[in-house]
C-alpha atoms as a PDB file:
ATOM      1  CA  MET A   1      25.267 -55.992  23.503  1.00  0.00           C
ATOM      2  CA  SER A   2      23.066 -52.839  23.292  1.00  0.00           C
ATOM      3  CA  ILE A   3      21.288 -51.385  26.965  1.00  0.00           C
ATOM      4  CA  TRP A   4      18.131 -52.579  25.479  1.00  0.00           C
ATOM      5  CA  GLY A   5      19.183 -56.842  24.906  1.00  0.00           C
ATOM      6  CA  GLY A   6      19.311 -56.665  21.474  1.00  0.00           C
ATOM      7  CA  ASP A   7      22.140 -57.237  19.023  1.00  0.00           C
ATOM      8  CA  GLY A   8      23.289 -53.549  19.365  1.00  0.00           C
ATOM      9  CA  GLY A   9      22.310 -52.453  15.911  1.00  0.00           C
ATOM     10  CA  TYR A  10      21.974 -48.583  16.166  1.00  0.00           C
ATOM     11  CA  GLY A  11      19.937 -48.046  19.166  1.00  0.00           C
ATOM     12  CA  ASP A  12      17.066 -50.733  17.798  1.00  0.00           C
ATOM     13  CA  PRO A  13      16.421 -53.481  20.389  1.00  0.00           C
ATOM     14  CA  TRP A  14      14.965 -55.829  18.016  1.00  0.00           C
ATOM     15  CA  PRO A  15      16.501 -54.916  14.571  1.00  0.00           C
ATOM     16  CA  SER A  16      15.164 -58.239  13.466  1.00  0.00           C
ATOM     17  CA  ARG A  17      11.282 -57.700  14.063  1.00  0.00           C
ATOM     18  CA  SER A  18       9.272 -55.244  12.357  1.00  0.00           C
ATOM     19  CA  HIS A  19       7.261 -52.592  13.904  1.00  0.00           C
ATOM     20  CA  ARG A  20       3.678 -51.206  12.995  1.00  0.00           C
ATOM     21  CA  ALA A  21       2.801 -47.664  13.985  1.00  0.00           C
ATOM     22  CA  TYR A  22      -0.603 -46.034  13.720  1.00  0.00           C
ATOM     23  CA  VAL A  23      -0.753 -42.524  13.152  1.00  0.00           C
ATOM     24  CA  ASP A  24      -3.988 -40.808  13.754  1.00  0.00           C
ATOM     25  CA  SER A  25      -3.983 -37.632  11.446  1.00  0.00           C
ATOM     26  CA  ARG A  26      -7.041 -35.185  10.005  1.00  0.00           C
ATOM     27  CA  ALA A  27      -6.335 -33.156   7.064  1.00  0.00           C
ATOM     28  CA  GLN A  28      -9.033 -30.014   6.158  1.00  0.00           C
ATOM     29  CA  ILE A  29      -9.323 -29.610   2.422  1.00  0.00           C
ATOM     30  CA  THR A  30     -10.858 -26.404   1.042  1.00  0.00           C
ATOM     31  CA  GLU A  31     -11.859 -26.736  -2.619  1.00  0.00           C
ATOM     32  CA  GLN A  32     -11.359 -23.423  -4.325  1.00  0.00           C
ATOM     33  CA  ARG A  33     -13.706 -23.026  -7.543  1.00  0.00           C
ATOM     34  CA  ALA A  34     -13.474 -20.257 -10.142  1.00  0.00           C
ATOM     35  CA  PRO A  35     -16.169 -17.813  -9.895  1.00  0.00           C
ATOM     36  CA  THR A  36     -19.603 -18.560 -11.458  1.00  0.00           C
ATOM     37  CA  ASP A  37     -21.672 -16.278 -13.732  1.00  0.00           C
ATOM     38  CA  GLU A  38     -23.838 -15.908 -11.116  1.00  0.00           C
ATOM     39  CA  SER A  39     -21.321 -14.857  -8.491  1.00  0.00           C
ATOM     40  CA  VAL A  40     -19.517 -12.440 -10.980  1.00  0.00           C
ATOM     41  CA  ARG A  41     -23.090 -10.802 -11.703  1.00  0.00           C
ATOM     42  CA  LEU A  42     -23.689 -10.357  -7.724  1.00  0.00           C
ATOM     43  CA  LEU A  43     -20.466  -8.835  -7.453  1.00  0.00           C
ATOM     44  CA  ARG A  44     -20.777  -6.237 -10.075  1.00  0.00           C
ATOM     45  CA  GLU A  45     -24.207  -5.393  -8.672  1.00  0.00           C
ATOM     46  CA  MET A  46     -22.516  -4.749  -4.900  1.00  0.00           C
ATOM     47  CA  GLU A  47     -19.843  -2.794  -6.691  1.00  0.00           C
ATOM     48  CA  GLN A  48     -22.335  -0.897  -8.587  1.00  0.00           C
ATOM     49  CA  ALA A  49     -24.695  -0.319  -5.445  1.00  0.00           C
ATOM     50  CA  ALA A  50     -21.276   0.924  -3.648  1.00  0.00           C
ATOM     51  CA  ALA A  51     -20.479   3.405  -6.436  1.00  0.00           C
ATOM     52  CA  ALA A  52     -23.943   5.078  -6.294  1.00  0.00           C
ATOM     53  CA  LYS A  53     -24.060   5.224  -2.656  1.00  0.00           C
ATOM     54  CA  PHE A  54     -20.876   6.880  -2.749  1.00  0.00           C
ATOM     55  CA  LYS A  55     -21.735   9.316  -5.351  1.00  0.00           C
ATOM     56  CA  ASP A  56     -24.702   9.953  -3.508  1.00  0.00           C
ATOM     57  CA  ALA A  57     -22.767  10.646  -0.199  1.00  0.00           C
ATOM     58  CA  ILE A  58     -20.979  13.700  -2.250  1.00  0.00           C
ATOM     59  CA  ARG A  59     -22.318  17.155  -1.579  1.00  0.00           C
ATOM     60  CA  LEU A  60     -21.901  19.709  -4.081  1.00  0.00           C
ATOM     61  CA  GLU A  61     -22.121  23.165  -3.864  1.00  0.00           C
ATOM     62  CA  GLY A  62     -24.284  25.260  -6.094  1.00  0.00           C
ATOM     63  CA  ASN A  63     -22.891  26.105  -9.263  1.00  0.00           C
ATOM     64  CA  GLY A  64     -24.263  28.793 -11.211  1.00  0.00           C
ATOM     65  CA  PHE A  65     -24.012  29.205 -14.923  1.00  0.00           C
ATOM     66  CA  ASN A  66     -25.283  31.769 -17.150  1.00  0.00           C
ATOM     67  CA  ALA A  67     -23.615  32.862 -20.701  1.00  0.00           C
ATOM     68  CA  VAL A  68     -24.041  35.185 -23.508  1.00  0.00           C
ATOM     69  CA  VAL A  69     -22.370  34.454 -26.645  1.00  0.00           C
ATOM     70  CA  PHE A  70     -21.972  37.448 -29.637  1.00  0.00           C
ATOM     71  CA  PHE A  71     -20.402  36.792 -32.920  1.00  0.00           C
ATOM     72  CA  GLU A  72     -18.214  39.840 -34.615  1.00  0.00           C
ATOM     73  CA  ALA A  73     -16.640  39.503 -38.223  1.00  0.00           C
ATOM     74  CA  ILE A  74     -13.409  41.121 -39.038  1.00  0.00           C
ATOM     75  CA  HIS A  75     -13.841  41.468 -42.872  1.00  0.00           C
ATOM     76  CA  PHE A  76     -10.166  43.231 -43.471  1.00  0.00           C
ATOM     77  CA  LEU A  77      -8.359  40.187 -41.575  1.00  0.00           C
ATOM     78  CA  GLY A  78     -10.986  37.508 -43.142  1.00  0.00           C
ATOM     79  CA  GLU A  79     -11.702  36.311 -39.317  1.00  0.00           C
ATOM     80  CA  GLU A  80     -15.022  35.499 -37.690  1.00  0.00           C
ATOM     81  CA  LYS A  81     -14.395  35.479 -34.002  1.00  0.00           C
ATOM     82  CA  ALA A  82     -16.925  34.491 -30.995  1.00  0.00           C
ATOM     83  CA  HIS A  83     -17.384  36.151 -27.578  1.00  0.00           C
ATOM     84  CA  CYS A  84     -18.555  34.441 -24.566  1.00  0.00           C
ATOM     85  CA  LEU A  85     -19.314  35.986 -21.279  1.00  0.00           C
ATOM     86  CA  PHE A  86     -20.127  33.735 -18.761  1.00  0.00           C
ATOM     87  CA  ASP A  87     -20.930  34.104 -14.995  1.00  0.00           C
ATOM     88  CA  PHE A  88     -19.394  30.819 -13.295  1.00  0.00           C
ATOM     89  CA  ASN A  89     -20.025  30.414  -9.274  1.00  0.00           C
ATOM     90  CA  GLY A  90     -20.483  34.361  -8.916  1.00  0.00           C
ATOM     91  CA  GLN A  91     -17.298  35.007 -11.514  1.00  0.00           C
ATOM     92  CA  ARG A  92     -17.076  36.622 -14.611  1.00  0.00           C
ATOM     93  CA  PHE A  93     -14.731  34.993 -17.710  1.00  0.00           C
ATOM     94  CA  GLU A  94     -14.459  35.921 -21.154  1.00  0.00           C
ATOM     95  CA  VAL A  95     -13.333  33.453 -23.617  1.00  0.00           C
ATOM     96  CA  GLU A  96     -12.866  34.134 -27.214  1.00  0.00           C
ATOM     97  CA  ALA A  97     -12.375  31.950 -30.180  1.00  0.00           C
ATOM     98  CA  SER A  98     -11.610  32.998 -33.835  1.00  0.00           C
ATOM     99  CA  VAL A  99     -11.168  31.281 -37.222  1.00  0.00           C
ATOM    100  CA  SER A 100     -10.554  32.300 -40.510  1.00  0.00           C
ATOM    101  CA  ARG A 101     -13.107  33.006 -43.048  1.00  0.00           C
ATOM    102  CA  PHE A 102     -11.977  29.842 -45.190  1.00  0.00           C
ATOM    103  CA  GLU A 103     -12.128  28.128 -42.220  1.00  0.00           C
ATOM    104  CA  SER A 104     -15.761  29.003 -41.413  1.00  0.00           C
ATOM    105  CA  ILE A 105     -17.159  27.935 -44.880  1.00  0.00           C
ATOM    106  CA  SER A 106     -15.357  24.684 -45.018  1.00  0.00           C
ATOM    107  CA  ASP A 107     -16.842  23.878 -42.071  1.00  0.00           C
ATOM    108  CA  PRO A 108     -19.567  25.827 -40.337  1.00  0.00           C
ATOM    109  CA  ASN A 109     -19.309  24.428 -36.893  1.00  0.00           C
ATOM    110  CA  ALA A 110     -15.637  25.402 -36.729  1.00  0.00           C
ATOM    111  CA  LEU A 111     -15.909  28.533 -34.446  1.00  0.00           C
ATOM    112  CA  ILE A 112     -18.635  27.123 -32.295  1.00  0.00           C
ATOM    113  CA  THR A 113     -16.350  23.487 -31.317  1.00  0.00           C
ATOM    114  CA  LYS A 114     -13.131  26.099 -30.749  1.00  0.00           C
ATOM    115  CA  LEU A 115     -15.674  28.602 -28.416  1.00  0.00           C
ATOM    116  CA  HIS A 116     -16.920  25.266 -26.744  1.00  0.00           C
ATOM    117  CA  GLU A 117     -13.366  24.002 -26.229  1.00  0.00           C
ATOM    118  CA  LYS A 118     -11.792  26.986 -24.506  1.00  0.00           C
ATOM    119  CA  VAL A 119     -14.916  27.565 -22.318  1.00  0.00           C
ATOM    120  CA  ALA A 120     -14.669  24.224 -21.231  1.00  0.00           C
ATOM    121  CA  ARG A 121     -11.064  24.346 -20.832  1.00  0.00           C
ATOM    122  CA  CYS A 122     -11.434  27.529 -18.593  1.00  0.00           C
ATOM    123  CA  ILE A 123     -14.507  25.813 -16.456  1.00  0.00           C
ATOM    124  CA  ALA A 124     -12.460  22.667 -15.914  1.00  0.00           C
ATOM    125  CA  ALA A 125      -9.746  25.155 -14.679  1.00  0.00           C
ATOM    126  CA  GLU A 126     -11.598  27.120 -12.212  1.00  0.00           C
ATOM    127  CA  MET A 127     -13.236  23.506 -10.832  1.00  0.00           C
ATOM    128  CA  ILE A 128     -10.888  20.620 -11.103  1.00  0.00           C
ATOM    129  CA  VAL A 129      -7.572  22.674  -9.909  1.00  0.00           C
ATOM    130  CA  PRO A 130      -9.295  24.011  -6.645  1.00  0.00           C
ATOM    131  CA  ALA A 131     -10.720  20.283  -6.103  1.00  0.00           C
ATOM    132  CA  TYR A 132      -7.703  18.600  -6.948  1.00  0.00           C
ATOM    133  CA  THR A 133      -5.610  21.003  -4.375  1.00  0.00           C
ATOM    134  CA  LYS A 134      -8.167  20.489  -1.806  1.00  0.00           C
ATOM    135  CA  ALA A 135      -8.009  16.882  -2.009  1.00  0.00           C
ATOM    136  CA  THR A 136      -4.664  16.302  -2.007  1.00  0.00           C
ATOM    137  CA  TYR A 137      -3.516  19.315   0.357  1.00  0.00           C
ATOM    138  CA  GLY A 138      -6.201  19.559   2.369  1.00  0.00           C
ATOM    139  CA  LEU A 139      -6.037  23.477   1.127  1.00  0.00           C
ATOM    140  CA  GLN A 140      -8.262  26.001  -0.338  1.00  0.00           C
ATOM    141  CA  HIS A 141      -6.629  26.874  -4.268  1.00  0.00           C
ATOM    142  CA  GLN A 142      -5.643  30.551  -3.879  1.00  0.00           C
ATOM    143  CA  ALA A 143      -5.758  31.855  -7.617  1.00  0.00           C
ATOM    144  CA  GLY A 144      -3.476  34.306  -8.763  1.00  0.00           C
END
């Protein structure tokens, strides 16, 4: 016999009797829904407004640009050249591009397209490298 007065079955004083237990429990259920078209539209509007505020907060120094383009025909080589002299941020640059006479006949814009690409590369190198260096390392770019 157990200390509980029952028949000694595994610590249960009255193994033949049934027991009822009442448990008070609460659960909080949160419903997660997929975003609606309206909420997606509102999110995009907020993102666009934030991007516009960010861009407006950026201050750029004045970038002066003046250019002169002149052309040259080199008859004995069968080439056409275009030269572009331009001042950009107080520095003077010279860029030239050339195409063969045959290329200029087949594509009349070939010379200007090549000159445009070279001027764009020169300006990009002058602007992007210092901006990247400053943003990455916090230093002023030293040309040379």
